[in-house]
């Protein structure tokens, strides 16, 4: 019996080859950037334009004493919610559409998922940085000159820029990996898997709401959100984000594409 010992150079080449395979998956996700990079910003620009018109109308219809109150009310705007939900859909499509194609080119399931996860982290960093820059401009211009609030709403923290960046990046990561886990369920078990998964999720949410309501703990829940703030709440999202990422990996390891 003989034993084969890998030299350091061999290990380096092996790691280099593995990274190239992972990076090829990243490039695969960015082959058509229109739907995942360009279109979201176009839609967000349209939403901003509509909001700007509304702000201008309100600004011209109110006097100086009323404008401050109107601006404070705008901190509850949900105008940017769209882009987070959109990225969840992007994650679902990224896994569902590219998984069979990648396996057809002899990419392993492990390399595919690692490359896809790296792509999602790039998305999260890119969109997080973009929204952070827009929030800084919104602050510097006092709400685009009209007291408007779209990127500095209460959900995104009123702390320094790096806290806001963290809130954006972590929230994007949450939606992306939840989408990846959902897509993995569909790839492996198709419609039946999604129906069962959705049913379990709905039952869990209803049970949690019922428990909080019956125990009269809603004031405590509200206090928890207040005490943790946007940064703390989003940091807690790392737990379900990590669970979704790991779950998606193990589900996809045994998935067999049928198209």
Protein backbone atom coordinates (compact mmCIF):
# COMPACT_ATOMS: atom_id res chain seq x y z
CA UNK A 1 0.00 0.00 0.00
CA UNK A 2 1.31 3.43 -0.91
CA UNK A 3 0.22 6.80 0.35
CA UNK A 4 0.02 9.91 -1.79
CA UNK A 5 1.00 13.15 -0.15
CA UNK A 6 -0.11 16.38 -1.80
CA UNK A 7 2.58 19.02 -2.00
CA UNK A 8 1.82 22.64 -1.00
CA UNK A 9 1.93 23.60 -4.69
CA UNK A 10 -0.68 20.97 -5.52
CA UNK A 11 -2.97 22.24 -2.77
CA UNK A 12 -2.54 25.80 -4.02
CA UNK A 13 -3.45 24.79 -7.56
CA UNK A 14 -6.47 22.88 -6.24
CA UNK A 15 -7.71 25.90 -4.28
CA UNK A 16 -7.08 28.18 -7.26
CA UNK A 17 -9.10 25.87 -9.51
CA UNK A 18 -11.92 25.74 -7.00
CA UNK A 19 -12.07 29.53 -6.77
CA UNK A 20 -12.14 29.79 -10.58
CA UNK A 21 -15.13 27.43 -10.69
CA UNK A 22 -16.92 29.45 -7.99
CA UNK A 23 -16.13 32.72 -9.75
CA UNK A 24 -17.45 31.30 -13.03
CA UNK A 25 -20.81 30.84 -11.28
CA UNK A 26 -20.66 34.47 -10.12
CA UNK A 27 -20.04 35.56 -13.70
CA UNK A 28 -22.96 33.42 -14.82
CA UNK A 29 -25.32 35.39 -12.57
CA UNK A 30 -24.08 38.67 -14.06
CA UNK A 31 -24.24 37.61 -17.71
CA UNK A 32 -27.50 39.53 -18.16
CA UNK A 33 -27.29 42.48 -15.76
CA UNK A 34 -30.42 44.23 -17.00
CA UNK A 35 -32.96 42.41 -14.82
CA UNK A 36 -30.80 42.22 -11.70
CA UNK A 37 -28.78 45.46 -11.83
CA UNK A 38 -30.23 48.00 -14.28
CA UNK A 39 -34.00 47.45 -14.06
CA UNK A 40 -34.25 47.76 -10.23
CA UNK A 41 -32.55 51.18 -10.33
CA UNK A 42 -34.82 52.27 -13.19
CA UNK A 43 -37.93 51.33 -11.22
CA UNK A 44 -36.54 52.96 -8.08
CA UNK A 45 -35.85 56.14 -10.09
CA UNK A 46 -39.47 56.13 -11.29
CA UNK A 47 -40.73 55.69 -7.71
CA UNK A 48 -38.48 58.55 -6.62
CA UNK A 49 -39.82 60.79 -9.43
CA UNK A 50 -43.41 60.10 -8.37
CA UNK A 51 -42.52 60.83 -4.74
CA UNK A 52 -40.72 64.01 -5.73
CA UNK A 53 -43.82 65.30 -7.52
CA UNK A 54 -45.92 64.53 -4.43
CA UNK A 55 -43.40 66.26 -2.16
CA UNK A 56 -43.42 69.34 -4.43
CA UNK A 57 -47.21 69.52 -4.36
CA UNK A 58 -47.28 69.20 -0.56
CA UNK A 59 -44.44 71.69 -0.14
CA UNK A 60 -46.21 74.34 -2.21
CA UNK A 61 -49.56 73.65 -0.55
CA UNK A 62 -48.26 74.17 3.02
CA UNK A 63 -46.65 77.02 4.87
CA UNK A 64 -43.46 77.03 6.95
CA UNK A 65 -45.11 75.99 10.20
CA UNK A 66 -46.77 72.94 8.65
CA UNK A 67 -43.86 71.70 6.56
CA UNK A 68 -41.89 70.42 9.55
CA UNK A 69 -44.77 68.24 10.66
CA UNK A 70 -45.27 66.95 7.13
CA UNK A 71 -41.57 66.08 6.86
CA UNK A 72 -41.70 64.15 10.14
CA UNK A 73 -44.69 62.21 8.88
CA UNK A 74 -42.75 61.19 5.77
CA UNK A 75 -40.25 59.24 7.88
CA UNK A 76 -42.73 56.35 7.79
CA UNK A 77 -42.63 56.08 4.01
CA UNK A 78 -42.34 52.60 2.53
CA UNK A 79 -41.28 53.72 -0.96
CA UNK A 80 -38.07 51.68 -0.97
CA UNK A 81 -39.73 48.44 0.14
CA UNK A 82 -40.05 47.44 -3.51
CA UNK A 83 -36.32 46.96 -4.08
CA UNK A 84 -35.92 44.49 -1.20
CA UNK A 85 -38.84 42.36 -2.41
CA UNK A 86 -37.53 42.60 -5.96
CA UNK A 87 -34.15 41.20 -4.90
CA UNK A 88 -35.93 38.26 -3.24
CA UNK A 89 -37.48 37.53 -6.64
CA UNK A 90 -34.04 37.91 -8.27
CA UNK A 91 -32.68 35.32 -5.83
CA UNK A 92 -35.48 32.88 -6.65
CA UNK A 93 -34.88 33.26 -10.39
CA UNK A 94 -31.10 33.06 -10.01
CA UNK A 95 -31.30 29.65 -8.36
CA UNK A 96 -34.23 28.24 -10.29
CA UNK A 97 -33.07 29.25 -13.78
CA UNK A 98 -29.29 28.90 -13.58
CA UNK A 99 -29.02 25.71 -11.49
CA UNK A 100 -29.88 23.27 -14.34
CA UNK A 101 -27.73 25.26 -16.77
CA UNK A 102 -24.71 25.27 -14.43
CA UNK A 103 -24.95 21.54 -13.73
CA UNK A 104 -25.06 20.96 -17.48
CA UNK A 105 -21.56 22.45 -17.63
CA UNK A 106 -20.30 20.07 -14.91
CA UNK A 107 -20.40 22.63 -12.10
CA UNK A 108 -20.78 20.86 -8.76
CA UNK A 109 -23.72 21.68 -6.50
CA UNK A 110 -21.29 22.94 -3.86
CA UNK A 111 -19.49 25.29 -6.25
CA UNK A 112 -22.82 26.50 -7.63
CA UNK A 113 -24.18 27.38 -4.22
CA UNK A 114 -20.96 29.03 -3.05
CA UNK A 115 -20.79 31.07 -6.25
CA UNK A 116 -24.45 32.01 -5.94
CA UNK A 117 -23.97 33.04 -2.30
CA UNK A 118 -21.00 35.19 -3.28
CA UNK A 119 -23.14 36.80 -5.98
CA UNK A 120 -25.82 37.59 -3.41
CA UNK A 121 -23.27 39.20 -1.10
CA UNK A 122 -22.07 41.33 -4.03
CA UNK A 123 -25.67 42.34 -4.73
CA UNK A 124 -26.20 43.22 -1.06
CA UNK A 125 -23.02 45.30 -0.89
CA UNK A 126 -23.73 47.06 -4.19
CA UNK A 127 -27.34 47.97 -3.43
CA UNK A 128 -26.52 48.76 0.20
CA UNK A 129 -23.79 51.19 -0.86
CA UNK A 130 -26.10 52.78 -3.44
CA UNK A 131 -28.92 53.39 -0.97
CA UNK A 132 -26.46 54.68 1.64
CA UNK A 133 -25.11 57.26 -0.82
CA UNK A 134 -28.65 58.34 -1.70
CA UNK A 135 -29.50 58.66 2.00
CA UNK A 136 -26.46 60.91 2.54
CA UNK A 137 -27.54 63.11 -0.37
CA UNK A 138 -31.06 63.22 1.07
CA UNK A 139 -29.66 64.37 4.41
CA UNK A 140 -27.36 66.96 2.83
CA UNK A 141 -30.16 68.50 0.74
CA UNK A 142 -32.71 68.47 3.57
CA UNK A 143 -34.95 66.01 1.79
CA UNK A 144 -34.11 67.04 -1.79
CA UNK A 145 -35.03 70.62 -0.95
CA UNK A 146 -38.62 69.67 -0.17
CA UNK A 147 -38.35 67.91 3.18
CA UNK A 148 -39.02 64.54 1.53
CA UNK A 149 -37.96 61.26 3.07
CA UNK A 150 -37.34 58.12 1.05
CA UNK A 151 -33.87 56.81 1.92
CA UNK A 152 -33.67 58.15 5.50
CA UNK A 153 -36.93 56.79 6.87
CA UNK A 154 -37.14 55.56 10.44
CA UNK A 155 -36.61 51.90 9.46
CA UNK A 156 -33.10 52.63 8.13
CA UNK A 157 -31.55 54.07 11.31
CA UNK A 158 -30.82 57.71 12.09
CA UNK A 159 -27.24 56.95 13.14
CA UNK A 160 -23.98 57.52 11.23
CA UNK A 161 -23.56 56.40 7.64
CA UNK A 162 -21.86 53.09 8.47
CA UNK A 163 -24.85 52.02 10.61
CA UNK A 164 -27.19 52.82 7.76
CA UNK A 165 -24.94 50.90 5.37
CA UNK A 166 -25.07 47.90 7.70
CA UNK A 167 -28.88 48.09 7.85
CA UNK A 168 -29.16 48.14 4.07
CA UNK A 169 -26.60 45.37 3.41
CA UNK A 170 -27.95 43.03 6.11
CA UNK A 171 -31.56 43.54 4.97
CA UNK A 172 -30.67 42.80 1.35
CA UNK A 173 -28.78 39.67 2.46
CA UNK A 174 -31.84 38.53 4.42
CA UNK A 175 -34.18 38.82 1.44
CA UNK A 176 -31.68 37.28 -0.98
CA UNK A 177 -31.00 34.17 1.10
CA UNK A 178 -34.67 33.71 1.98
CA UNK A 179 -35.30 33.75 -1.77
CA UNK A 180 -32.47 31.26 -2.32
CA UNK A 181 -33.87 28.84 0.26
CA UNK A 182 -37.35 29.11 -1.26
CA UNK A 183 -35.96 28.45 -4.72
CA UNK A 184 -34.01 25.44 -3.43
CA UNK A 185 -37.24 24.00 -2.06
CA UNK A 186 -38.88 24.45 -5.47
CA UNK A 187 -35.94 22.97 -7.40
CA UNK A 188 -36.00 19.83 -5.26
CA UNK A 189 -39.72 19.32 -4.55
CA UNK A 190 -41.41 21.58 -7.11
CA UNK A 191 -44.90 22.95 -6.45
CA UNK A 192 -45.77 20.49 -3.68
CA UNK A 193 -42.67 21.50 -1.75
CA UNK A 194 -43.49 25.21 -2.05
CA UNK A 195 -47.09 24.62 -0.93
CA UNK A 196 -45.99 22.63 2.12
CA UNK A 197 -43.24 25.13 2.94
CA UNK A 198 -45.65 28.08 2.64
CA UNK A 199 -48.26 26.28 4.74
CA UNK A 200 -45.77 25.57 7.53
CA UNK A 201 -44.55 29.19 7.44
CA UNK A 202 -48.09 30.57 7.64
CA UNK A 203 -48.95 28.27 10.54
CA UNK A 204 -45.80 29.34 12.37
CA UNK A 205 -46.61 33.04 11.92
CA UNK A 206 -50.25 32.58 13.01
CA UNK A 207 -49.14 30.59 16.07
CA UNK A 208 -46.60 33.29 17.02
CA UNK A 209 -49.18 36.09 16.63
CA UNK A 210 -51.74 34.12 18.63
CA UNK A 211 -49.24 33.42 21.42
CA UNK A 212 -48.23 37.09 21.67
CA UNK A 213 -51.85 38.23 21.59
CA UNK A 214 -53.15 35.75 24.18
CA UNK A 215 -50.26 36.50 26.51
CA UNK A 216 -50.74 40.25 25.99
CA UNK A 217 -47.10 40.71 25.06
CA UNK A 218 -47.50 43.21 22.21
CA UNK A 219 -46.27 46.12 24.40
CA UNK A 220 -43.13 44.07 25.19
CA UNK A 221 -42.63 43.37 21.48
CA UNK A 222 -42.93 47.06 20.69
CA UNK A 223 -40.49 47.90 23.46
CA UNK A 224 -38.01 45.37 22.08
CA UNK A 225 -38.07 47.11 18.69
CA UNK A 226 -37.63 50.52 20.31
CA UNK A 227 -34.73 49.39 22.52
CA UNK A 228 -32.86 47.62 19.72
CA UNK A 229 -33.47 50.24 17.06
CA UNK A 230 -33.08 49.63 13.34
CA UNK A 231 -29.45 48.50 13.66
CA UNK A 232 -30.17 46.02 16.45
CA UNK A 233 -33.27 44.56 14.79
CA UNK A 234 -31.46 44.07 11.49
CA UNK A 235 -28.52 42.47 13.30
CA UNK A 236 -30.92 39.88 14.71
CA UNK A 237 -31.93 39.12 11.11
CA UNK A 238 -28.50 37.53 10.66
CA UNK A 239 -29.83 34.44 12.44
CA UNK A 240 -32.65 33.64 9.98
CA UNK A 241 -30.35 34.73 7.14
CA UNK A 242 -27.71 32.20 8.17
CA UNK A 243 -30.35 29.49 8.71
CA UNK A 244 -31.80 30.15 5.25
CA UNK A 245 -28.34 30.07 3.64
CA UNK A 246 -27.35 26.77 5.27
CA UNK A 247 -30.77 25.20 4.68
CA UNK A 248 -30.71 26.17 1.02
CA UNK A 249 -27.26 24.61 0.64
CA UNK A 250 -28.26 21.23 2.06
CA UNK A 251 -31.53 21.13 0.13
CA UNK A 252 -29.82 21.95 -3.16
CA UNK A 253 -27.13 19.29 -2.58
CA UNK A 254 -29.74 16.59 -3.22
CA UNK A 255 -31.78 18.46 -5.82
CA UNK A 256 -32.07 17.08 -9.35
CA UNK A 257 -33.05 19.55 -12.08
CA UNK A 258 -35.85 18.31 -14.29
CA UNK A 259 -35.57 20.89 -17.06
